[in-house]
PDB file of N, CA and C in Angstrom:
ATOM      1  N   MET A   1       0.832  -1.178   0.000  1.00  0.00           N
ATOM      2  CA  MET A   1       0.000   0.000   0.000  1.00  0.00           C
ATOM      3  C   MET A   1       0.881   1.247   0.000  1.00  0.00           C
ATOM      4  N   LYS A   2       0.621   2.153  -0.925  1.00  0.00           N
ATOM      5  CA  LYS A   2       1.425   3.363  -1.043  1.00  0.00           C
ATOM      6  C   LYS A   2       0.935   4.446  -0.088  1.00  0.00           C
ATOM      7  N   LYS A   3       1.887   5.211   0.388  1.00  0.00           N
ATOM      8  CA  LYS A   3       1.533   6.369   1.211  1.00  0.00           C
ATOM      9  C   LYS A   3       1.490   7.596   0.314  1.00  0.00           C
ATOM     10  N   ASN A   4       0.464   8.400   0.490  1.00  0.00           N
ATOM     11  CA  ASN A   4       0.350   9.630  -0.287  1.00  0.00           C
ATOM     12  C   ASN A   4       1.053  10.757   0.450  1.00  0.00           C
ATOM     13  N   ASN A   5       2.064  11.327  -0.167  1.00  0.00           N
ATOM     14  CA  ASN A   5       2.813  12.435   0.417  1.00  0.00           C
ATOM     15  C   ASN A   5       2.371  13.754  -0.207  1.00  0.00           C
ATOM     16  N   LYS A   6       1.066  13.946  -0.318  1.00  0.00           N
ATOM     17  CA  LYS A   6       0.546  15.174  -0.910  1.00  0.00           C
ATOM     18  C   LYS A   6       0.565  16.284   0.129  1.00  0.00           C
ATOM     19  N   GLN A   7       0.884  17.474  -0.336  1.00  0.00           N
ATOM     20  CA  GLN A   7       0.839  18.618   0.559  1.00  0.00           C
ATOM     21  C   GLN A   7      -0.602  19.062   0.728  1.00  0.00           C
ATOM     22  N   LYS A   8      -0.910  19.588   1.899  1.00  0.00           N
ATOM     23  CA  LYS A   8      -2.260  20.034   2.181  1.00  0.00           C
ATOM     24  C   LYS A   8      -2.536  21.320   1.403  1.00  0.00           C
ATOM     25  N   LYS A   9      -3.645  21.353   0.677  1.00  0.00           N
ATOM     26  CA  LYS A   9      -4.004  22.526  -0.098  1.00  0.00           C
ATOM     27  C   LYS A   9      -4.573  23.591   0.834  1.00  0.00           C
ATOM     28  N   THR A  10      -4.236  24.843   0.546  1.00  0.00           N
ATOM     29  CA  THR A  10      -4.817  25.928   1.322  1.00  0.00           C
ATOM     30  C   THR A  10      -6.216  26.191   0.790  1.00  0.00           C
ATOM     31  N   LYS A  11      -7.150  26.238   1.691  1.00  0.00           N
ATOM     32  CA  LYS A  11      -8.526  26.496   1.304  1.00  0.00           C
ATOM     33  C   LYS A  11      -8.808  27.973   1.476  1.00  0.00           C
ATOM     34  N   GLY A  12      -9.429  28.558   0.487  1.00  0.00           N
ATOM     35  CA  GLY A  12      -9.804  29.957   0.576  1.00  0.00           C
ATOM     36  C   GLY A  12      -8.727  30.893   0.075  1.00  0.00           C
ATOM     37  N   LYS A  13      -9.090  32.152   0.018  1.00  0.00           N
ATOM     38  CA  LYS A  13      -8.183  33.179  -0.480  1.00  0.00           C
ATOM     39  C   LYS A  13      -7.167  33.577   0.572  1.00  0.00           C
ATOM     40  N   ILE A  14      -6.056  34.115   0.123  1.00  0.00           N
ATOM     41  CA  ILE A  14      -5.026  34.647   1.017  1.00  0.00           C
ATOM     42  C   ILE A  14      -4.765  36.086   0.604  1.00  0.00           C
ATOM     43  N   LEU A  15      -4.833  37.005   1.576  1.00  0.00           N
ATOM     44  CA  LEU A  15      -4.631  38.421   1.316  1.00  0.00           C
ATOM     45  C   LEU A  15      -3.578  38.988   2.257  1.00  0.00           C
ATOM     46  N   VAL A  16      -2.978  40.094   1.841  1.00  0.00           N
ATOM     47  CA  VAL A  16      -1.989  40.789   2.664  1.00  0.00           C
ATOM     48  C   VAL A  16      -2.524  42.184   2.943  1.00  0.00           C
ATOM     49  N   GLY A  17      -2.477  42.590   4.220  1.00  0.00           N
ATOM     50  CA  GLY A  17      -2.981  43.905   4.578  1.00  0.00           C
ATOM     51  C   GLY A  17      -2.328  44.437   5.836  1.00  0.00           C
ATOM     52  N   LYS A  18      -2.811  45.591   6.269  1.00  0.00           N
ATOM     53  CA  LYS A  18      -2.252  46.289   7.419  1.00  0.00           C
ATOM     54  C   LYS A  18      -3.300  46.334   8.536  1.00  0.00           C
ATOM     55  N   VAL A  19      -2.879  46.054   9.765  1.00  0.00           N
ATOM     56  CA  VAL A  19      -3.795  46.094  10.911  1.00  0.00           C
ATOM     57  C   VAL A  19      -4.103  47.552  11.218  1.00  0.00           C
ATOM     58  N   VAL A  20      -5.407  47.893  11.224  1.00  0.00           N
ATOM     59  CA  VAL A  20      -5.819  49.259  11.525  1.00  0.00           C
ATOM     60  C   VAL A  20      -6.503  49.377  12.879  1.00  0.00           C
ATOM     61  N   SER A  21      -6.913  48.242  13.479  1.00  0.00           N
ATOM     62  CA  SER A  21      -7.533  48.269  14.793  1.00  0.00           C
ATOM     63  C   SER A  21      -7.305  46.932  15.486  1.00  0.00           C
ATOM     64  N   ASP A  22      -7.002  47.006  16.797  1.00  0.00           N
ATOM     65  CA  ASP A  22      -6.848  45.778  17.595  1.00  0.00           C
ATOM     66  C   ASP A  22      -7.588  45.908  18.924  1.00  0.00           C
ATOM     67  N   LYS A  23      -8.649  46.702  18.962  1.00  0.00           N
ATOM     68  CA  LYS A  23      -9.366  46.990  20.210  1.00  0.00           C
ATOM     69  C   LYS A  23     -10.270  45.848  20.663  1.00  0.00           C
ATOM     70  N   MET A  24     -10.680  44.977  19.745  1.00  0.00           N
ATOM     71  CA  MET A  24     -11.553  43.865  20.106  1.00  0.00           C
ATOM     72  C   MET A  24     -10.731  42.690  20.627  1.00  0.00           C
ATOM     73  N   ASP A  25     -11.360  41.843  21.428  1.00  0.00           N
ATOM     74  CA  ASP A  25     -10.687  40.679  21.978  1.00  0.00           C
ATOM     75  C   ASP A  25     -10.601  39.590  20.916  1.00  0.00           C
ATOM     76  N   LYS A  26      -9.388  39.104  20.648  1.00  0.00           N
ATOM     77  CA  LYS A  26      -9.101  38.046  19.677  1.00  0.00           C
ATOM     78  C   LYS A  26      -9.519  38.396  18.245  1.00  0.00           C
ATOM     79  N   THR A  27      -9.600  39.695  17.948  1.00  0.00           N
ATOM     80  CA  THR A  27      -9.983  40.139  16.608  1.00  0.00           C
ATOM     81  C   THR A  27      -9.154  41.354  16.224  1.00  0.00           C
ATOM     82  N   VAL A  28      -8.719  41.386  14.979  1.00  0.00           N
ATOM     83  CA  VAL A  28      -8.068  42.574  14.428  1.00  0.00           C
ATOM     84  C   VAL A  28      -8.796  42.967  13.152  1.00  0.00           C
ATOM     85  N   VAL A  29      -8.763  44.256  12.839  1.00  0.00           N
ATOM     86  CA  VAL A  29      -9.327  44.743  11.588  1.00  0.00           C
ATOM     87  C   VAL A  29      -8.160  44.995  10.643  1.00  0.00           C
ATOM     88  N   VAL A  30      -8.198  44.336   9.480  1.00  0.00           N
ATOM     89  CA  VAL A  30      -7.113  44.416   8.512  1.00  0.00           C
ATOM     90  C   VAL A  30      -7.623  45.142   7.268  1.00  0.00           C
ATOM     91  N   GLU A  31      -6.889  46.172   6.855  1.00  0.00           N
ATOM     92  CA  GLU A  31      -7.247  46.908   5.653  1.00  0.00           C
ATOM     93  C   GLU A  31      -6.397  46.406   4.488  1.00  0.00           C
ATOM     94  N   VAL A  32      -7.081  45.942   3.439  1.00  0.00           N
ATOM     95  CA  VAL A  32      -6.411  45.421   2.255  1.00  0.00           C
ATOM     96  C   VAL A  32      -6.598  46.430   1.132  1.00  0.00           C
ATOM     97  N   ILE A  33      -5.496  46.821   0.500  1.00  0.00           N
ATOM     98  CA  ILE A  33      -5.532  47.790  -0.597  1.00  0.00           C
ATOM     99  C   ILE A  33      -5.226  47.056  -1.899  1.00  0.00           C
ATOM    100  N   ARG A  34      -6.134  47.201  -2.859  1.00  0.00           N
ATOM    101  CA  ARG A  34      -5.949  46.595  -4.174  1.00  0.00           C
ATOM    102  C   ARG A  34      -5.938  47.691  -5.232  1.00  0.00           C
ATOM    103  N   ILE A  35      -5.310  47.424  -6.341  1.00  0.00           N
ATOM    104  CA  ILE A  35      -5.305  48.369  -7.451  1.00  0.00           C
ATOM    105  C   ILE A  35      -6.173  47.790  -8.568  1.00  0.00           C
ATOM    106  N   LYS A  36      -7.225  48.540  -8.916  1.00  0.00           N
ATOM    107  CA  LYS A  36      -8.129  48.129  -9.983  1.00  0.00           C
ATOM    108  C   LYS A  36      -7.938  49.051 -11.172  1.00  0.00           C
ATOM    109  N   GLU A  37      -8.378  48.588 -12.312  1.00  0.00           N
ATOM    110  CA  GLU A  37      -8.304  49.392 -13.524  1.00  0.00           C
ATOM    111  C   GLU A  37      -9.710  49.608 -14.057  1.00  0.00           C
ATOM    112  N   HIS A  38     -10.014  50.855 -14.407  1.00  0.00           N
ATOM    113  CA  HIS A  38     -11.334  51.164 -14.947  1.00  0.00           C
ATOM    114  C   HIS A  38     -11.484  50.476 -16.309  1.00  0.00           C
ATOM    115  N   PRO A  39     -12.615  49.785 -16.534  1.00  0.00           N
ATOM    116  CA  PRO A  39     -12.745  49.006 -17.769  1.00  0.00           C
ATOM    117  C   PRO A  39     -12.730  49.838 -19.058  1.00  0.00           C
ATOM    118  N   LYS A  40     -13.268  51.054 -18.996  1.00  0.00           N
ATOM    119  CA  LYS A  40     -13.328  51.873 -20.205  1.00  0.00           C
ATOM    120  C   LYS A  40     -12.129  52.817 -20.333  1.00  0.00           C
ATOM    121  N   TYR A  41     -11.819  53.520 -19.253  1.00  0.00           N
ATOM    122  CA  TYR A  41     -10.798  54.570 -19.330  1.00  0.00           C
ATOM    123  C   TYR A  41      -9.393  54.099 -18.960  1.00  0.00           C
ATOM    124  N   LYS A  42      -9.266  52.887 -18.477  1.00  0.00           N
ATOM    125  CA  LYS A  42      -7.977  52.248 -18.172  1.00  0.00           C
ATOM    126  C   LYS A  42      -7.162  52.942 -17.079  1.00  0.00           C
ATOM    127  N   LYS A  43      -7.790  53.853 -16.347  1.00  0.00           N
ATOM    128  CA  LYS A  43      -7.085  54.493 -15.240  1.00  0.00           C
ATOM    129  C   LYS A  43      -7.058  53.527 -14.050  1.00  0.00           C
ATOM    130  N   ARG A  44      -5.907  53.452 -13.394  1.00  0.00           N
ATOM    131  CA  ARG A  44      -5.779  52.594 -12.225  1.00  0.00           C
ATOM    132  C   ARG A  44      -6.050  53.397 -10.958  1.00  0.00           C
ATOM    133  N   TYR A  45      -6.753  52.779 -10.012  1.00  0.00           N
ATOM    134  CA  TYR A  45      -7.087  53.446  -8.762  1.00  0.00           C
ATOM    135  C   TYR A  45      -7.090  52.443  -7.625  1.00  0.00           C
ATOM    136  N   LYS A  46      -6.934  52.951  -6.399  1.00  0.00           N
ATOM    137  CA  LYS A  46      -6.864  52.087  -5.224  1.00  0.00           C
ATOM    138  C   LYS A  46      -8.255  51.834  -4.666  1.00  0.00           C
ATOM    139  N   VAL A  47      -8.487  50.598  -4.269  1.00  0.00           N
ATOM    140  CA  VAL A  47      -9.720  50.211  -3.605  1.00  0.00           C
ATOM    141  C   VAL A  47      -9.332  49.634  -2.256  1.00  0.00           C
ATOM    142  N   ARG A  48      -9.934  50.160  -1.185  1.00  0.00           N
ATOM    143  CA  ARG A  48      -9.619  49.707   0.169  1.00  0.00           C
ATOM    144  C   ARG A  48     -10.805  48.942   0.732  1.00  0.00           C
ATOM    145  N   LYS A  49     -10.509  47.849   1.431  1.00  0.00           N
ATOM    146  CA  LYS A  49     -11.565  47.085   2.085  1.00  0.00           C
ATOM    147  C   LYS A  49     -11.045  46.592   3.419  1.00  0.00           C
ATOM    148  N   LYS A  50     -11.911  46.624   4.433  1.00  0.00           N
ATOM    149  CA  LYS A  50     -11.520  46.191   5.770  1.00  0.00           C
ATOM    150  C   LYS A  50     -12.135  44.827   6.071  1.00  0.00           C
ATOM    151  N   TYR A  51     -11.327  43.943   6.625  1.00  0.00           N
ATOM    152  CA  TYR A  51     -11.763  42.603   7.007  1.00  0.00           C
ATOM    153  C   TYR A  51     -11.510  42.417   8.494  1.00  0.00           C
ATOM    154  N   LYS A  52     -12.460  41.790   9.192  1.00  0.00           N
ATOM    155  CA  LYS A  52     -12.229  41.404  10.578  1.00  0.00           C
ATOM    156  C   LYS A  52     -11.619  40.007  10.554  1.00  0.00           C
ATOM    157  N   ALA A  53     -10.482  39.852  11.235  1.00  0.00           N
ATOM    158  CA  ALA A  53      -9.761  38.582  11.206  1.00  0.00           C
ATOM    159  C   ALA A  53      -9.518  38.090  12.619  1.00  0.00           C
ATOM    160  N   HIS A  54      -9.510  36.776  12.782  1.00  0.00           N
ATOM    161  CA  HIS A  54      -9.318  36.139  14.082  1.00  0.00           C
ATOM    162  C   HIS A  54      -7.841  36.127  14.457  1.00  0.00           C
ATOM    163  N   ASP A  55      -7.548  36.622  15.661  1.00  0.00           N
ATOM    164  CA  ASP A  55      -6.181  36.669  16.201  1.00  0.00           C
ATOM    165  C   ASP A  55      -6.236  36.009  17.577  1.00  0.00           C
ATOM    166  N   GLU A  56      -5.956  34.722  17.628  1.00  0.00           N
ATOM    167  CA  GLU A  56      -6.151  33.915  18.843  1.00  0.00           C
ATOM    168  C   GLU A  56      -5.398  34.447  20.054  1.00  0.00           C
ATOM    169  N   LYS A  57      -4.159  34.890  19.865  1.00  0.00           N
ATOM    170  CA  LYS A  57      -3.320  35.265  21.003  1.00  0.00           C
ATOM    171  C   LYS A  57      -3.214  36.776  21.219  1.00  0.00           C
ATOM    172  N   ASN A  58      -3.975  37.556  20.484  1.00  0.00           N
ATOM    173  CA  ASN A  58      -3.907  39.025  20.569  1.00  0.00           C
ATOM    174  C   ASN A  58      -2.473  39.529  20.407  1.00  0.00           C
ATOM    175  N   GLN A  59      -1.743  38.978  19.456  1.00  0.00           N
ATOM    176  CA  GLN A  59      -0.325  39.315  19.318  1.00  0.00           C
ATOM    177  C   GLN A  59      -0.051  40.375  18.255  1.00  0.00           C
ATOM    178  N   TYR A  60      -1.003  40.684  17.388  1.00  0.00           N
ATOM    179  CA  TYR A  60      -0.778  41.648  16.315  1.00  0.00           C
ATOM    180  C   TYR A  60      -1.308  43.009  16.731  1.00  0.00           C
ATOM    181  N   LYS A  61      -0.514  44.049  16.465  1.00  0.00           N
ATOM    182  CA  LYS A  61      -0.844  45.406  16.884  1.00  0.00           C
ATOM    183  C   LYS A  61      -1.056  46.301  15.668  1.00  0.00           C
ATOM    184  N   VAL A  62      -1.575  47.492  15.911  1.00  0.00           N
ATOM    185  CA  VAL A  62      -1.847  48.453  14.845  1.00  0.00           C
ATOM    186  C   VAL A  62      -0.550  48.769  14.096  1.00  0.00           C
ATOM    187  N   GLY A  63      -0.621  48.722  12.773  1.00  0.00           N
ATOM    188  CA  GLY A  63       0.536  49.019  11.941  1.00  0.00           C
ATOM    189  C   GLY A  63       1.254  47.794  11.424  1.00  0.00           C
ATOM    190  N   ASP A  64       0.984  46.617  11.988  1.00  0.00           N
ATOM    191  CA  ASP A  64       1.623  45.383  11.523  1.00  0.00           C
ATOM    192  C   ASP A  64       1.092  45.000  10.144  1.00  0.00           C
ATOM    193  N   LYS A  65       1.981  44.521   9.289  1.00  0.00           N
ATOM    194  CA  LYS A  65       1.590  44.013   7.973  1.00  0.00           C
ATOM    195  C   LYS A  65       1.412  42.504   8.115  1.00  0.00           C
ATOM    196  N   VAL A  66       0.181  42.012   7.897  1.00  0.00           N
ATOM    197  CA  VAL A  66      -0.142  40.609   8.165  1.00  0.00           C
ATOM    198  C   VAL A  66      -0.716  39.921   6.930  1.00  0.00           C
ATOM    199  N   VAL A  67      -0.693  38.591   6.987  1.00  0.00           N
ATOM    200  CA  VAL A  67      -1.298  37.746   5.964  1.00  0.00           C
ATOM    201  C   VAL A  67      -2.546  37.121   6.572  1.00  0.00           C
ATOM    202  N   ILE A  68      -3.684  37.247   5.870  1.00  0.00           N
ATOM    203  CA  ILE A  68      -4.926  36.649   6.361  1.00  0.00           C
ATOM    204  C   ILE A  68      -5.420  35.617   5.358  1.00  0.00           C
ATOM    205  N   GLN A  69      -6.126  34.606   5.893  1.00  0.00           N
ATOM    206  CA  GLN A  69      -6.633  33.515   5.061  1.00  0.00           C
ATOM    207  C   GLN A  69      -8.119  33.351   5.319  1.00  0.00           C
ATOM    208  N   GLU A  70      -8.861  33.101   4.259  1.00  0.00           N
ATOM    209  CA  GLU A  70     -10.292  32.863   4.368  1.00  0.00           C
ATOM    210  C   GLU A  70     -10.536  31.525   5.063  1.00  0.00           C
ATOM    211  N   THR A  71     -11.528  31.492   5.946  1.00  0.00           N
ATOM    212  CA  THR A  71     -11.821  30.280   6.707  1.00  0.00           C
ATOM    213  C   THR A  71     -13.325  30.173   6.933  1.00  0.00           C
ATOM    214  N   ARG A  72     -13.724  29.180   7.680  1.00  0.00           N
ATOM    215  CA  ARG A  72     -15.149  29.032   7.987  1.00  0.00           C
ATOM    216  C   ARG A  72     -15.599  30.211   8.851  1.00  0.00           C
ATOM    217  N   PRO A  73     -16.889  30.543   8.863  1.00  0.00           N
ATOM    218  CA  PRO A  73     -17.345  31.658   9.688  1.00  0.00           C
ATOM    219  C   PRO A  73     -17.097  31.401  11.177  1.00  0.00           C
ATOM    220  N   ILE A  74     -16.418  32.350  11.817  1.00  0.00           N
ATOM    221  CA  ILE A  74     -16.127  32.256  13.246  1.00  0.00           C
ATOM    222  C   ILE A  74     -17.198  32.993  14.037  1.00  0.00           C
ATOM    223  N   SER A  75     -17.694  34.100  13.475  1.00  0.00           N
ATOM    224  CA  SER A  75     -18.798  34.848  14.062  1.00  0.00           C
ATOM    225  C   SER A  75     -19.559  35.510  12.918  1.00  0.00           C
ATOM    226  N   LYS A  76     -20.419  36.458  13.255  1.00  0.00           N
ATOM    227  CA  LYS A  76     -21.247  37.093  12.226  1.00  0.00           C
ATOM    228  C   LYS A  76     -20.412  37.789  11.154  1.00  0.00           C
ATOM    229  N   HIS A  77     -19.346  38.472  11.566  1.00  0.00           N
ATOM    230  CA  HIS A  77     -18.537  39.231  10.621  1.00  0.00           C
ATOM    231  C   HIS A  77     -17.145  38.656  10.386  1.00  0.00           C
ATOM    232  N   LYS A  78     -16.699  37.720  11.210  1.00  0.00           N
ATOM    233  CA  LYS A  78     -15.342  37.166  11.068  1.00  0.00           C
ATOM    234  C   LYS A  78     -15.350  35.908  10.220  1.00  0.00           C
ATOM    235  N   LYS A  79     -14.713  36.007   9.064  1.00  0.00           N
ATOM    236  CA  LYS A  79     -14.571  34.856   8.165  1.00  0.00           C
ATOM    237  C   LYS A  79     -13.129  34.706   7.711  1.00  0.00           C
ATOM    238  N   TRP A  80     -12.204  35.378   8.403  1.00  0.00           N
ATOM    239  CA  TRP A  80     -10.785  35.357   8.079  1.00  0.00           C
ATOM    240  C   TRP A  80      -9.993  35.091   9.341  1.00  0.00           C
ATOM    241  N   LYS A  81      -8.801  34.514   9.183  1.00  0.00           N
ATOM    242  CA  LYS A  81      -7.905  34.343  10.319  1.00  0.00           C
ATOM    243  C   LYS A  81      -6.512  34.808   9.913  1.00  0.00           C
ATOM    244  N   VAL A  82      -5.766  35.307  10.911  1.00  0.00           N
ATOM    245  CA  VAL A  82      -4.413  35.791  10.649  1.00  0.00           C
ATOM    246  C   VAL A  82      -3.464  34.607  10.642  1.00  0.00           C
ATOM    247  N   ILE A  83      -2.683  34.476   9.561  1.00  0.00           N
ATOM    248  CA  ILE A  83      -1.700  33.401   9.457  1.00  0.00           C
ATOM    249  C   ILE A  83      -0.385  33.829  10.094  1.00  0.00           C
ATOM    250  N   GLY A  84       0.036  35.059   9.814  1.00  0.00           N
ATOM    251  CA  GLY A  84       1.302  35.533  10.366  1.00  0.00           C
ATOM    252  C   GLY A  84       1.673  36.887   9.807  1.00  0.00           C
ATOM    253  N   LEU A  85       2.865  37.325  10.139  1.00  0.00           N
ATOM    254  CA  LEU A  85       3.366  38.593   9.622  1.00  0.00           C
ATOM    255  C   LEU A  85       3.815  38.431   8.176  1.00  0.00           C
ATOM    256  N   ALA A  86       3.588  39.478   7.389  1.00  0.00           N
ATOM    257  CA  ALA A  86       4.018  39.471   5.990  1.00  0.00           C
ATOM    258  C   ALA A  86       5.458  39.950   5.911  1.00  0.00           C
ATOM    259  N   GLU A  87       6.159  39.448   4.923  1.00  0.00           N
ATOM    260  CA  GLU A  87       7.540  39.887   4.714  1.00  0.00           C
ATOM    261  C   GLU A  87       7.512  41.266   4.065  1.00  0.00           C
ATOM    262  N   SER A  88       8.266  42.182   4.613  1.00  0.00           N
ATOM    263  CA  SER A  88       8.256  43.552   4.107  1.00  0.00           C
ATOM    264  C   SER A  88       9.068  43.721   2.859  1.00  0.00           C
TER     265      SER A  88
END
């Protein structure tokens, strides 16, 4: 019988953003900035979106650049968890 040495696939999206709030218990608010292009005029512009992410140990502070991953719903608004610090 063969053993399967497959790597575990990451489920969900992975985003990089900056922590803008850490006032909640075990939760941080991460702002992700993306650059979109207008379909007709081709001008590029920034789009900002804030995600609430689960931080089990309350270790990430405002200003940290973090990586978040989509996961199962943890609460009404939390559907992301912090994986770790992003490389600068």
